[in-house]
Structure formats: structure tokens, C-alpha cells
Amino acid sequence: MTSGLAIWDDLMVPNDSGFCCPIISLRLFSGMINLKELSLVSGKAAWMAYLDIYCLDADGSLFDAALLAAVAAFSHLRIPVVSLNEEGRVVVVSEENEEGKSEKEPVNKGKRKLTLSSLPFSLTCILHKNYILADPTAEEESIMETLVTVVLDSSGQLVSLYKPGGPVLAYASAVQDCIALTRQRVKELKSILNEAISDMEVD
């Protein structure tokens, strides 16, 4: 499950900050995460992953930043070693040892990361007259005619394409240009993601 909160920004409508959360959830659970890896005991126990996204400075392209942060969070997620206590409740093995209880056979054999595939990366482009502007600021978004958000996976395959409704059309040539810009952006985002994950690694 996902939830989000944006700290107040003059260009944002109150109570409208969670608009991208269902969309992010859909992107994350559209092939990136193998849900079987969250299973502890088949048919009895499974992990539930919660993701909270806090936006401290909503200065444009909010969805792109939130999606990248979500991918980074799941990329760094560790599944701890757990066992079942006498009551059948899941207990983290290290906590069980600290409390001096008898250690039972762990349900999973070691602390591990989730195996992720088809990582989604996005780029928002605003269309204004005959111009396309990628990764716009909030001020630039305020004067746009419409926008196109492209989501590609790490191999460059199209995952989704979003354009809000309204009278302004996005012509095929403009959409193709937005997809091409996103393919260029994915390379940069992958580098940013790998660097961020490396900085988060601890012994």
C-alpha cells in the first residue's frame, strides 16, 4: 500500500497532494515486484509493504520524483530473518535472541533484498504551443497547455503514457518526441538511482 503527503506549496491545491499515489502504486506493482517474494508461510503469513512519500518541495514534475523515490525505497528494502513463536506470531530473529527466548527454526534462511525487475522510470514533458519542455518546474507547469508523462522500464520499453483530459491535443509527433526524451532520461535516472542505493548501503 502507498500513501503520500506534500508539505504546503503555494501552487498546490490543498488535499490534492495524494493524486499521484494510486498511479505510483500501479506502476510499482505492474511487474516490478514479484509478490511471491513477500510470502513467509504459504497460505498463512506474508509481508505487507507500506510506502510513505513525503514531498518537501513540490517544485514541478512531482510524479517523476515520487516514482524514483519509491523505486529507490524498494531497491533498498531488506527482508529480515524471522521465525514463528509459540503463539504462531512472526518474530524477527535478532529481537527474539535479545529477549532470551529459545530460537526456533527461521522461516527464511537469511536477510535478503527483494528481486526487482522492469524498474519504471518516468519523465514529464509539458506542451506549450509548438514547444516541448522536459522536467518542468512548478512555475513552468503553471503556464502549460497540457502535459505528457512517459513511463519506461529499465530496458527502454514503454510501460505507460499519461495525458490529462482537456481540449488541448497531444499530436503523435509530440508524443514520439516525449518518448525519445524519456529514453535519454532513463540512462541518467538509472545512474542517480544506483548512486543513491550505494550511498544507503551499510555494513
N, C-alpha and C. Protein backbone atom coordinates (compact mmCIF):
# COMPACT_ATOMS: atom_id res chain seq x y z
N MET A 1 0.85 -1.19 0.00
CA MET A 1 0.00 0.00 0.00
C MET A 1 0.88 1.24 0.00
N THR A 2 0.39 2.31 -0.59
CA THR A 2 1.16 3.54 -0.64
C THR A 2 0.34 4.69 -0.12
N SER A 3 1.03 5.66 0.44
CA SER A 3 0.38 6.90 0.83
C SER A 3 1.38 8.02 0.65
N GLY A 4 0.87 9.24 0.54
CA GLY A 4 1.78 10.34 0.27
C GLY A 4 1.33 11.61 0.96
N LEU A 5 2.25 12.51 1.17
CA LEU A 5 1.95 13.78 1.78
C LEU A 5 2.90 14.82 1.24
N ALA A 6 2.35 15.94 0.79
CA ALA A 6 3.19 17.04 0.34
C ALA A 6 3.05 18.20 1.30
N ILE A 7 4.16 18.72 1.80
CA ILE A 7 4.12 19.90 2.64
C ILE A 7 3.73 21.09 1.77
N TRP A 8 3.01 22.03 2.33
CA TRP A 8 2.33 23.08 1.59
C TRP A 8 3.22 23.80 0.57
N ASP A 9 2.65 24.00 -0.60
CA ASP A 9 3.29 24.76 -1.66
C ASP A 9 2.24 25.70 -2.23
N ASP A 10 2.61 26.94 -2.53
CA ASP A 10 1.65 27.95 -2.98
C ASP A 10 0.93 27.55 -4.26
N LEU A 11 1.57 26.73 -5.10
CA LEU A 11 0.98 26.37 -6.38
C LEU A 11 0.18 25.09 -6.33
N MET A 12 0.05 24.51 -5.12
CA MET A 12 -0.68 23.25 -4.99
C MET A 12 -2.03 23.49 -4.36
N VAL A 13 -3.01 22.69 -4.76
CA VAL A 13 -4.34 22.77 -4.20
C VAL A 13 -4.37 21.94 -2.92
N PRO A 14 -4.89 22.48 -1.79
CA PRO A 14 -4.96 21.70 -0.55
C PRO A 14 -5.71 20.39 -0.76
N ASN A 15 -5.22 19.33 -0.10
CA ASN A 15 -5.82 18.00 -0.14
C ASN A 15 -5.72 17.34 -1.52
N ASP A 16 -4.90 17.93 -2.41
CA ASP A 16 -4.74 17.34 -3.73
C ASP A 16 -3.37 16.71 -3.88
N SER A 17 -2.61 16.63 -2.78
CA SER A 17 -1.23 16.18 -2.86
C SER A 17 -1.09 14.69 -3.09
N GLY A 18 -2.15 13.93 -2.84
CA GLY A 18 -2.05 12.48 -2.99
C GLY A 18 -2.49 11.97 -4.34
N PHE A 19 -2.61 12.85 -5.32
CA PHE A 19 -3.14 12.44 -6.62
C PHE A 19 -2.28 11.39 -7.30
N CYS A 20 -0.97 11.42 -7.07
CA CYS A 20 -0.10 10.50 -7.81
C CYS A 20 0.09 9.17 -7.10
N CYS A 21 -0.39 9.03 -5.86
CA CYS A 21 -0.14 7.80 -5.11
C CYS A 21 -0.74 6.56 -5.75
N PRO A 22 -2.03 6.58 -6.17
CA PRO A 22 -2.55 5.38 -6.83
C PRO A 22 -1.81 5.06 -8.12
N ILE A 23 -1.38 6.09 -8.85
CA ILE A 23 -0.66 5.86 -10.10
C ILE A 23 0.69 5.23 -9.82
N ILE A 24 1.39 5.72 -8.80
CA ILE A 24 2.68 5.14 -8.43
C ILE A 24 2.51 3.69 -8.01
N SER A 25 1.48 3.43 -7.21
CA SER A 25 1.22 2.06 -6.78
C SER A 25 1.01 1.14 -7.97
N LEU A 26 0.26 1.62 -8.96
CA LEU A 26 0.01 0.81 -10.15
C LEU A 26 1.30 0.51 -10.88
N ARG A 27 2.18 1.51 -11.01
CA ARG A 27 3.44 1.31 -11.72
C ARG A 27 4.33 0.31 -10.98
N LEU A 28 4.38 0.43 -9.64
CA LEU A 28 5.26 -0.43 -8.86
C LEU A 28 4.80 -1.88 -8.89
N PHE A 29 3.51 -2.10 -8.92
CA PHE A 29 3.00 -3.47 -8.85
C PHE A 29 2.56 -3.97 -10.22
N SER A 30 3.15 -3.43 -11.26
CA SER A 30 2.89 -3.89 -12.62
C SER A 30 4.10 -4.64 -13.16
N GLY A 31 4.62 -5.55 -12.36
CA GLY A 31 5.72 -6.39 -12.80
C GLY A 31 7.04 -6.13 -12.12
N MET A 32 7.19 -5.01 -11.39
CA MET A 32 8.46 -4.72 -10.76
C MET A 32 8.72 -5.63 -9.56
N ILE A 33 7.67 -5.90 -8.79
CA ILE A 33 7.82 -6.69 -7.57
C ILE A 33 7.15 -8.05 -7.75
N ASN A 34 7.91 -9.10 -7.50
CA ASN A 34 7.35 -10.45 -7.50
C ASN A 34 6.70 -10.67 -6.13
N LEU A 35 5.38 -10.66 -6.09
CA LEU A 35 4.68 -10.74 -4.81
C LEU A 35 4.96 -12.04 -4.05
N LYS A 36 5.40 -13.08 -4.75
CA LYS A 36 5.73 -14.34 -4.08
C LYS A 36 6.89 -14.16 -3.12
N GLU A 37 7.75 -13.15 -3.39
CA GLU A 37 8.89 -12.92 -2.51
C GLU A 37 8.47 -12.33 -1.16
N LEU A 38 7.24 -11.85 -1.06
CA LEU A 38 6.74 -11.33 0.20
C LEU A 38 6.10 -12.43 1.05
N SER A 39 6.03 -13.64 0.52
CA SER A 39 5.41 -14.75 1.25
C SER A 39 6.37 -15.30 2.30
N LEU A 40 5.85 -15.54 3.49
CA LEU A 40 6.62 -16.16 4.58
C LEU A 40 6.27 -17.64 4.70
N VAL A 41 4.99 -17.90 4.96
CA VAL A 41 4.49 -19.27 5.03
C VAL A 41 3.31 -19.33 4.07
N SER A 42 3.42 -20.17 3.07
CA SER A 42 2.40 -20.21 2.03
C SER A 42 1.00 -20.39 2.61
N GLY A 43 0.13 -19.46 2.27
CA GLY A 43 -1.26 -19.53 2.72
C GLY A 43 -1.49 -19.09 4.14
N LYS A 44 -0.41 -18.71 4.87
CA LYS A 44 -0.56 -18.36 6.29
C LYS A 44 -0.02 -16.97 6.64
N ALA A 45 1.15 -16.64 6.12
CA ALA A 45 1.78 -15.38 6.52
C ALA A 45 2.55 -14.77 5.36
N ALA A 46 2.47 -13.46 5.27
CA ALA A 46 3.20 -12.75 4.21
C ALA A 46 3.51 -11.34 4.69
N TRP A 47 4.55 -10.77 4.14
CA TRP A 47 4.90 -9.39 4.45
C TRP A 47 3.94 -8.44 3.74
N MET A 48 3.63 -7.33 4.40
CA MET A 48 2.89 -6.25 3.77
C MET A 48 3.80 -5.03 3.74
N ALA A 49 4.08 -4.53 2.56
CA ALA A 49 5.00 -3.41 2.42
C ALA A 49 4.21 -2.10 2.33
N TYR A 50 4.57 -1.15 3.20
CA TYR A 50 3.97 0.18 3.18
C TYR A 50 4.99 1.18 2.65
N LEU A 51 4.53 2.11 1.87
CA LEU A 51 5.42 3.13 1.32
C LEU A 51 4.80 4.50 1.55
N ASP A 52 5.49 5.34 2.31
CA ASP A 52 5.05 6.72 2.54
C ASP A 52 5.97 7.67 1.79
N ILE A 53 5.41 8.54 1.00
CA ILE A 53 6.19 9.50 0.23
C ILE A 53 5.90 10.90 0.77
N TYR A 54 6.93 11.58 1.25
CA TYR A 54 6.79 12.94 1.77
C TYR A 54 7.48 13.91 0.82
N CYS A 55 6.74 14.82 0.27
CA CYS A 55 7.30 15.81 -0.65
C CYS A 55 7.59 17.09 0.12
N LEU A 56 8.86 17.44 0.22
CA LEU A 56 9.27 18.62 0.99
C LEU A 56 9.31 19.88 0.14
N ASP A 57 9.41 19.73 -1.16
CA ASP A 57 9.50 20.90 -2.04
C ASP A 57 8.91 20.53 -3.39
N ALA A 58 7.61 20.81 -3.57
CA ALA A 58 6.92 20.42 -4.80
C ALA A 58 7.18 21.48 -5.86
N ASP A 59 8.32 21.38 -6.51
CA ASP A 59 8.71 22.38 -7.50
C ASP A 59 8.67 21.82 -8.92
N GLY A 60 7.62 21.04 -9.19
CA GLY A 60 7.43 20.53 -10.54
C GLY A 60 7.81 19.07 -10.70
N SER A 61 7.20 18.42 -11.69
CA SER A 61 7.47 17.01 -12.01
C SER A 61 7.37 16.14 -10.76
N LEU A 62 6.32 16.35 -9.98
CA LEU A 62 6.17 15.66 -8.71
C LEU A 62 6.09 14.14 -8.89
N PHE A 63 5.34 13.71 -9.89
CA PHE A 63 5.20 12.27 -10.11
C PHE A 63 6.55 11.62 -10.39
N ASP A 64 7.37 12.26 -11.23
CA ASP A 64 8.66 11.69 -11.61
C ASP A 64 9.54 11.49 -10.38
N ALA A 65 9.59 12.52 -9.53
CA ALA A 65 10.42 12.45 -8.32
C ALA A 65 9.89 11.40 -7.36
N ALA A 66 8.56 11.35 -7.20
CA ALA A 66 7.96 10.39 -6.27
C ALA A 66 8.17 8.95 -6.74
N LEU A 67 8.04 8.73 -8.04
CA LEU A 67 8.25 7.37 -8.56
C LEU A 67 9.69 6.92 -8.37
N LEU A 68 10.64 7.81 -8.63
CA LEU A 68 12.05 7.47 -8.45
C LEU A 68 12.35 7.17 -6.99
N ALA A 69 11.78 7.97 -6.08
CA ALA A 69 11.97 7.73 -4.65
C ALA A 69 11.38 6.38 -4.24
N ALA A 70 10.22 6.04 -4.80
CA ALA A 70 9.58 4.76 -4.48
C ALA A 70 10.43 3.58 -4.95
N VAL A 71 10.97 3.69 -6.16
CA VAL A 71 11.82 2.63 -6.69
C VAL A 71 13.08 2.49 -5.83
N ALA A 72 13.64 3.62 -5.42
CA ALA A 72 14.84 3.58 -4.56
C ALA A 72 14.53 2.91 -3.23
N ALA A 73 13.37 3.21 -2.67
CA ALA A 73 13.00 2.64 -1.37
C ALA A 73 12.88 1.11 -1.46
N PHE A 74 12.21 0.62 -2.49
CA PHE A 74 12.06 -0.83 -2.64
C PHE A 74 13.38 -1.49 -3.03
N SER A 75 14.23 -0.76 -3.72
CA SER A 75 15.53 -1.32 -4.09
C SER A 75 16.41 -1.52 -2.86
N HIS A 76 16.18 -0.70 -1.83
CA HIS A 76 16.99 -0.78 -0.61
C HIS A 76 16.33 -1.63 0.48
N LEU A 77 15.10 -2.04 0.25
CA LEU A 77 14.36 -2.81 1.25
C LEU A 77 15.04 -4.15 1.55
N ARG A 78 15.14 -4.49 2.83
CA ARG A 78 15.70 -5.76 3.27
C ARG A 78 14.62 -6.56 4.00
N ILE A 79 14.47 -7.82 3.63
CA ILE A 79 13.56 -8.72 4.34
C ILE A 79 14.33 -9.37 5.47
N PRO A 80 13.95 -9.14 6.73
CA PRO A 80 14.73 -9.69 7.85
C PRO A 80 14.49 -11.19 8.05
N VAL A 81 15.38 -11.80 8.82
CA VAL A 81 15.23 -13.20 9.20
C VAL A 81 14.20 -13.28 10.32
N VAL A 82 13.20 -14.14 10.17
CA VAL A 82 12.14 -14.25 11.17
C VAL A 82 11.85 -15.72 11.46
N SER A 83 11.19 -15.93 12.59
CA SER A 83 10.69 -17.26 12.94
C SER A 83 9.31 -17.09 13.56
N LEU A 84 8.66 -18.19 13.86
CA LEU A 84 7.34 -18.15 14.50
C LEU A 84 7.49 -18.52 15.97
N ASN A 85 6.89 -17.70 16.85
CA ASN A 85 6.97 -18.00 18.28
C ASN A 85 5.88 -19.01 18.67
N GLU A 86 5.73 -19.26 19.98
CA GLU A 86 4.79 -20.28 20.45
C GLU A 86 3.35 -19.93 20.08
N GLU A 87 3.06 -18.63 19.97
CA GLU A 87 1.70 -18.21 19.63
C GLU A 87 1.47 -18.16 18.13
N GLY A 88 2.50 -18.53 17.37
CA GLY A 88 2.36 -18.51 15.92
C GLY A 88 2.56 -17.14 15.30
N ARG A 89 3.08 -16.20 16.09
CA ARG A 89 3.31 -14.86 15.58
C ARG A 89 4.72 -14.75 15.00
N VAL A 90 4.86 -13.93 13.99
CA VAL A 90 6.16 -13.73 13.35
C VAL A 90 7.04 -12.86 14.23
N VAL A 91 8.26 -13.32 14.49
CA VAL A 91 9.20 -12.60 15.33
C VAL A 91 10.53 -12.50 14.60
N VAL A 92 11.09 -11.29 14.58
CA VAL A 92 12.41 -11.10 13.98
C VAL A 92 13.43 -11.82 14.85
N VAL A 93 14.28 -12.62 14.25
CA VAL A 93 15.19 -13.49 14.99
C VAL A 93 16.08 -12.71 15.94
N SER A 94 16.62 -11.58 15.52
CA SER A 94 17.51 -10.80 16.38
C SER A 94 16.79 -10.32 17.63
N GLU A 95 15.53 -9.90 17.50
CA GLU A 95 14.75 -9.47 18.65
C GLU A 95 14.47 -10.65 19.58
N GLU A 96 14.23 -11.80 18.99
CA GLU A 96 13.96 -13.00 19.79
C GLU A 96 15.18 -13.34 20.65
N ASN A 97 16.37 -13.21 20.07
CA ASN A 97 17.59 -13.50 20.81
C ASN A 97 17.80 -12.51 21.93
N GLU A 98 17.50 -11.23 21.67
CA GLU A 98 17.69 -10.19 22.68
C GLU A 98 16.81 -10.43 23.89
N GLU A 99 15.63 -11.02 23.67
CA GLU A 99 14.71 -11.26 24.77
C GLU A 99 15.01 -12.58 25.48
N GLY A 100 16.01 -13.31 24.98
CA GLY A 100 16.44 -14.54 25.63
C GLY A 100 15.52 -15.72 25.40
N LYS A 101 14.65 -15.63 24.39
CA LYS A 101 13.76 -16.75 24.11
C LYS A 101 14.49 -17.83 23.33
N SER A 102 13.96 -19.03 23.39
CA SER A 102 14.57 -20.12 22.62
C SER A 102 14.34 -19.86 21.14
N GLU A 103 15.39 -19.97 20.40
CA GLU A 103 15.30 -19.69 18.97
C GLU A 103 14.74 -20.89 18.22
N LYS A 104 13.74 -20.63 17.39
CA LYS A 104 13.17 -21.69 16.56
C LYS A 104 13.77 -21.60 15.17
N GLU A 105 13.47 -22.59 14.38
CA GLU A 105 13.97 -22.63 13.01
C GLU A 105 13.44 -21.41 12.25
N PRO A 106 14.33 -20.60 11.68
CA PRO A 106 13.87 -19.43 10.95
C PRO A 106 12.99 -19.82 9.77
N VAL A 107 12.00 -18.98 9.51
CA VAL A 107 11.12 -19.20 8.37
C VAL A 107 11.87 -18.95 7.08
N ASN A 108 12.66 -17.89 7.07
CA ASN A 108 13.53 -17.61 5.91
C ASN A 108 14.97 -17.72 6.36
N LYS A 109 15.85 -18.13 5.48
CA LYS A 109 17.20 -18.52 5.86
C LYS A 109 18.18 -17.36 6.00
N GLY A 110 17.83 -16.18 5.52
CA GLY A 110 18.78 -15.08 5.63
C GLY A 110 18.15 -13.75 5.25
N LYS A 111 18.73 -12.69 5.76
CA LYS A 111 18.28 -11.36 5.40
C LYS A 111 18.54 -11.15 3.92
N ARG A 112 17.55 -10.64 3.20
CA ARG A 112 17.71 -10.54 1.76
C ARG A 112 17.00 -9.31 1.19
N LYS A 113 17.43 -8.95 0.01
CA LYS A 113 16.77 -7.88 -0.73
C LYS A 113 15.69 -8.49 -1.62
N LEU A 114 14.73 -7.66 -2.00
CA LEU A 114 13.74 -8.11 -2.97
C LEU A 114 14.39 -8.18 -4.35
N THR A 115 14.00 -9.14 -5.13
CA THR A 115 14.45 -9.22 -6.51
C THR A 115 13.49 -8.39 -7.37
N LEU A 116 13.98 -7.28 -7.88
CA LEU A 116 13.14 -6.37 -8.65
C LEU A 116 13.44 -6.53 -10.14
N SER A 117 12.43 -6.34 -10.95
CA SER A 117 12.62 -6.40 -12.40
C SER A 117 11.80 -5.30 -13.05
N SER A 118 12.22 -4.93 -14.25
CA SER A 118 11.49 -3.91 -15.03
C SER A 118 11.26 -2.64 -14.21
N LEU A 119 12.34 -2.07 -13.68
CA LEU A 119 12.21 -0.86 -12.89
C LEU A 119 11.62 0.26 -13.73
N PRO A 120 10.58 0.94 -13.23
CA PRO A 120 9.96 2.01 -14.01
C PRO A 120 10.64 3.36 -13.77
N PHE A 121 10.83 4.11 -14.83
CA PHE A 121 11.36 5.47 -14.77
C PHE A 121 10.46 6.36 -15.61
N SER A 122 10.24 7.59 -15.14
CA SER A 122 9.30 8.45 -15.86
C SER A 122 9.91 9.82 -16.15
N LEU A 123 9.31 10.47 -17.13
CA LEU A 123 9.66 11.84 -17.47
C LEU A 123 8.39 12.57 -17.87
N THR A 124 8.17 13.72 -17.25
CA THR A 124 7.03 14.55 -17.59
C THR A 124 7.49 15.67 -18.52
N CYS A 125 6.74 15.87 -19.59
CA CYS A 125 7.02 16.93 -20.55
C CYS A 125 5.78 17.80 -20.68
N ILE A 126 5.95 19.11 -20.65
CA ILE A 126 4.82 19.99 -20.88
C ILE A 126 4.83 20.45 -22.33
N LEU A 127 3.64 20.60 -22.87
CA LEU A 127 3.48 21.05 -24.24
C LEU A 127 2.90 22.46 -24.20
N HIS A 128 3.58 23.39 -24.84
CA HIS A 128 3.12 24.78 -24.87
C HIS A 128 3.35 25.32 -26.28
N LYS A 129 2.24 25.53 -26.97
CA LYS A 129 2.29 25.96 -28.38
C LYS A 129 3.07 24.91 -29.17
N ASN A 130 4.18 25.29 -29.79
CA ASN A 130 4.96 24.33 -30.58
C ASN A 130 6.19 23.83 -29.84
N TYR A 131 6.23 24.03 -28.53
CA TYR A 131 7.42 23.70 -27.76
C TYR A 131 7.15 22.53 -26.81
N ILE A 132 8.19 21.75 -26.57
CA ILE A 132 8.17 20.67 -25.59
C ILE A 132 9.25 20.97 -24.55
N LEU A 133 8.85 20.98 -23.28
CA LEU A 133 9.81 21.23 -22.20
C LEU A 133 9.80 20.04 -21.26
N ALA A 134 10.94 19.40 -21.12
CA ALA A 134 11.06 18.22 -20.26
C ALA A 134 11.41 18.62 -18.83
N ASP A 135 10.92 17.84 -17.87
CA ASP A 135 11.22 18.04 -16.45
C ASP A 135 10.93 19.47 -16.03
N PRO A 136 9.69 19.94 -16.18
CA PRO A 136 9.37 21.34 -15.89
C PRO A 136 9.34 21.65 -14.40
N THR A 137 9.58 22.92 -14.08
CA THR A 137 9.41 23.41 -12.72
C THR A 137 7.93 23.67 -12.48
N ALA A 138 7.57 23.94 -11.23
CA ALA A 138 6.17 24.24 -10.92
C ALA A 138 5.71 25.50 -11.63
N GLU A 139 6.58 26.49 -11.73
CA GLU A 139 6.23 27.73 -12.42
C GLU A 139 5.97 27.47 -13.90
N GLU A 140 6.79 26.63 -14.50
CA GLU A 140 6.60 26.29 -15.91
C GLU A 140 5.33 25.48 -16.11
N GLU A 141 5.01 24.60 -15.15
CA GLU A 141 3.78 23.83 -15.25
C GLU A 141 2.54 24.72 -15.18
N SER A 142 2.66 25.86 -14.48
CA SER A 142 1.50 26.74 -14.29
C SER A 142 1.06 27.42 -15.59
N ILE A 143 1.92 27.46 -16.61
CA ILE A 143 1.56 28.11 -17.87
C ILE A 143 1.41 27.11 -19.01
N MET A 144 1.48 25.84 -18.71
CA MET A 144 1.43 24.82 -19.77
C MET A 144 0.03 24.73 -20.37
N GLU A 145 -0.02 24.25 -21.61
CA GLU A 145 -1.29 23.94 -22.23
C GLU A 145 -1.74 22.53 -21.86
N THR A 146 -0.81 21.60 -21.85
CA THR A 146 -1.07 20.25 -21.39
C THR A 146 0.26 19.58 -21.11
N LEU A 147 0.22 18.34 -20.63
CA LEU A 147 1.47 17.62 -20.34
C LEU A 147 1.35 16.17 -20.76
N VAL A 148 2.49 15.55 -20.90
CA VAL A 148 2.58 14.12 -21.22
C VAL A 148 3.60 13.51 -20.27
N THR A 149 3.22 12.46 -19.56
CA THR A 149 4.16 11.73 -18.70
C THR A 149 4.38 10.35 -19.29
N VAL A 150 5.63 10.06 -19.58
CA VAL A 150 6.01 8.77 -20.18
C VAL A 150 6.72 7.93 -19.12
N VAL A 151 6.33 6.67 -18.99
CA VAL A 151 7.00 5.74 -18.08
C VAL A 151 7.60 4.61 -18.91
N LEU A 152 8.91 4.44 -18.79
CA LEU A 152 9.62 3.36 -19.47
C LEU A 152 10.26 2.46 -18.42
N ASP A 153 10.49 1.20 -18.78
CA ASP A 153 11.23 0.35 -17.86
C ASP A 153 12.73 0.50 -18.13
N SER A 154 13.53 -0.21 -17.36
CA SER A 154 14.98 -0.04 -17.44
C SER A 154 15.57 -0.48 -18.77
N SER A 155 14.80 -1.25 -19.55
CA SER A 155 15.28 -1.67 -20.86
C SER A 155 14.76 -0.75 -21.97
N GLY A 156 14.02 0.28 -21.59
CA GLY A 156 13.54 1.24 -22.57
C GLY A 156 12.19 0.91 -23.17
N GLN A 157 11.51 -0.11 -22.63
CA GLN A 157 10.19 -0.48 -23.14
C GLN A 157 9.12 0.42 -22.50
N LEU A 158 8.12 0.76 -23.30
CA LEU A 158 7.05 1.64 -22.82
C LEU A 158 6.17 0.91 -21.81
N VAL A 159 6.03 1.51 -20.61
CA VAL A 159 5.17 0.95 -19.57
C VAL A 159 3.81 1.63 -19.59
N SER A 160 3.82 2.96 -19.63
CA SER A 160 2.56 3.68 -19.67
C SER A 160 2.78 5.08 -20.23
N LEU A 161 1.68 5.66 -20.66
CA LEU A 161 1.69 7.01 -21.22
C LEU A 161 0.47 7.72 -20.65
N TYR A 162 0.69 8.89 -20.06
CA TYR A 162 -0.41 9.62 -19.43
C TYR A 162 -0.51 11.03 -19.97
N LYS A 163 -1.71 11.41 -20.34
CA LYS A 163 -2.02 12.80 -20.71
C LYS A 163 -3.37 13.13 -20.10
N PRO A 164 -3.46 14.22 -19.34
CA PRO A 164 -4.76 14.58 -18.76
C PRO A 164 -5.76 14.96 -19.85
N GLY A 165 -7.03 14.83 -19.55
CA GLY A 165 -8.06 15.22 -20.49
C GLY A 165 -8.11 16.72 -20.68
N GLY A 166 -8.86 17.16 -21.67
CA GLY A 166 -8.97 18.58 -21.94
C GLY A 166 -8.99 18.85 -23.43
N PRO A 167 -9.18 20.11 -23.77
CA PRO A 167 -9.32 20.45 -25.20
C PRO A 167 -8.01 20.42 -25.99
N VAL A 168 -6.87 20.48 -25.29
CA VAL A 168 -5.59 20.52 -25.99
C VAL A 168 -5.14 19.12 -26.32
N LEU A 169 -4.84 18.88 -27.59
CA LEU A 169 -4.42 17.57 -28.04
C LEU A 169 -2.91 17.41 -27.97
N ALA A 170 -2.46 16.19 -27.85
CA ALA A 170 -1.04 15.87 -27.95
C ALA A 170 -0.86 15.06 -29.23
N TYR A 171 -0.30 15.66 -30.23
CA TYR A 171 -0.16 15.00 -31.52
C TYR A 171 0.88 13.88 -31.44
N ALA A 172 0.74 12.93 -32.36
CA ALA A 172 1.61 11.74 -32.35
C ALA A 172 3.08 12.12 -32.41
N SER A 173 3.41 13.14 -33.21
CA SER A 173 4.81 13.55 -33.33
C SER A 173 5.34 14.07 -32.00
N ALA A 174 4.50 14.81 -31.25
CA ALA A 174 4.91 15.33 -29.95
C ALA A 174 5.09 14.21 -28.95
N VAL A 175 4.19 13.23 -28.97
CA VAL A 175 4.28 12.09 -28.06
C VAL A 175 5.55 11.29 -28.35
N GLN A 176 5.85 11.09 -29.62
CA GLN A 176 7.07 10.37 -30.00
C GLN A 176 8.31 11.10 -29.52
N ASP A 177 8.29 12.43 -29.60
CA ASP A 177 9.42 13.22 -29.10
C ASP A 177 9.55 13.06 -27.58
N CYS A 178 8.43 13.02 -26.88
CA CYS A 178 8.46 12.85 -25.43
C CYS A 178 9.03 11.48 -25.06
N ILE A 179 8.67 10.46 -25.82
CA ILE A 179 9.20 9.12 -25.56
C ILE A 179 10.71 9.08 -25.81
N ALA A 180 11.15 9.76 -26.86
CA ALA A 180 12.59 9.80 -27.16
C ALA A 180 13.34 10.52 -26.06
N LEU A 181 12.78 11.61 -25.55
CA LEU A 181 13.42 12.33 -24.44
C LEU A 181 13.48 11.46 -23.19
N THR A 182 12.43 10.67 -22.97
CA THR A 182 12.41 9.80 -21.79
C THR A 182 13.48 8.73 -21.89
N ARG A 183 13.69 8.18 -23.07
CA ARG A 183 14.73 7.15 -23.25
C ARG A 183 16.11 7.73 -22.90
N GLN A 184 16.34 8.99 -23.24
CA GLN A 184 17.60 9.63 -22.86
C GLN A 184 17.66 9.84 -21.35
N ARG A 185 16.53 10.19 -20.77
CA ARG A 185 16.47 10.48 -19.33
C ARG A 185 16.66 9.22 -18.49
N VAL A 186 16.19 8.07 -18.99
CA VAL A 186 16.30 6.83 -18.23
C VAL A 186 17.75 6.51 -17.88
N LYS A 187 18.66 6.75 -18.80
CA LYS A 187 20.07 6.48 -18.54
C LYS A 187 20.57 7.31 -17.35
N GLU A 188 20.16 8.57 -17.30
CA GLU A 188 20.57 9.44 -16.20
C GLU A 188 19.92 9.00 -14.89
N LEU A 189 18.63 8.64 -14.95
CA LEU A 189 17.93 8.23 -13.74
C LEU A 189 18.49 6.93 -13.17
N LYS A 190 18.88 6.00 -14.02
CA LYS A 190 19.48 4.75 -13.55
C LYS A 190 20.77 5.03 -12.81
N SER A 191 21.57 5.98 -13.31
CA SER A 191 22.81 6.35 -12.65
C SER A 191 22.53 7.00 -11.30
N ILE A 192 21.52 7.88 -11.25
CA ILE A 192 21.14 8.54 -9.99
C ILE A 192 20.66 7.50 -8.97
N LEU A 193 19.85 6.55 -9.44
CA LEU A 193 19.32 5.51 -8.56
C LEU A 193 20.45 4.65 -8.00
N ASN A 194 21.36 4.20 -8.85
CA ASN A 194 22.46 3.34 -8.40
C ASN A 194 23.35 4.06 -7.39
N GLU A 195 23.59 5.35 -7.62
CA GLU A 195 24.41 6.13 -6.69
C GLU A 195 23.71 6.28 -5.35
N ALA A 196 22.40 6.53 -5.39
CA ALA A 196 21.64 6.70 -4.15
C ALA A 196 21.62 5.41 -3.35
N ILE A 197 21.40 4.28 -4.02
CA ILE A 197 21.37 2.99 -3.33
C ILE A 197 22.73 2.67 -2.73
N SER A 198 23.79 3.00 -3.47
CA SER A 198 25.15 2.76 -2.97
C SER A 198 25.40 3.57 -1.71
N ASP A 199 24.92 4.82 -1.67
CA ASP A 199 25.11 5.68 -0.51
C ASP A 199 24.33 5.18 0.70
N MET A 200 23.23 4.44 0.46
CA MET A 200 22.40 3.94 1.55
C MET A 200 22.90 2.63 2.12
N GLU A 201 23.81 1.97 1.41
CA GLU A 201 24.30 0.68 1.88
C GLU A 201 25.09 0.83 3.18
N VAL A 202 24.81 -0.06 4.13
CA VAL A 202 25.54 -0.08 5.40
C VAL A 202 26.00 -1.50 5.67
N ASP A 203 27.04 -1.62 6.44
CA ASP A 203 27.55 -2.95 6.79
C ASP A 203 26.64 -3.63 7.80
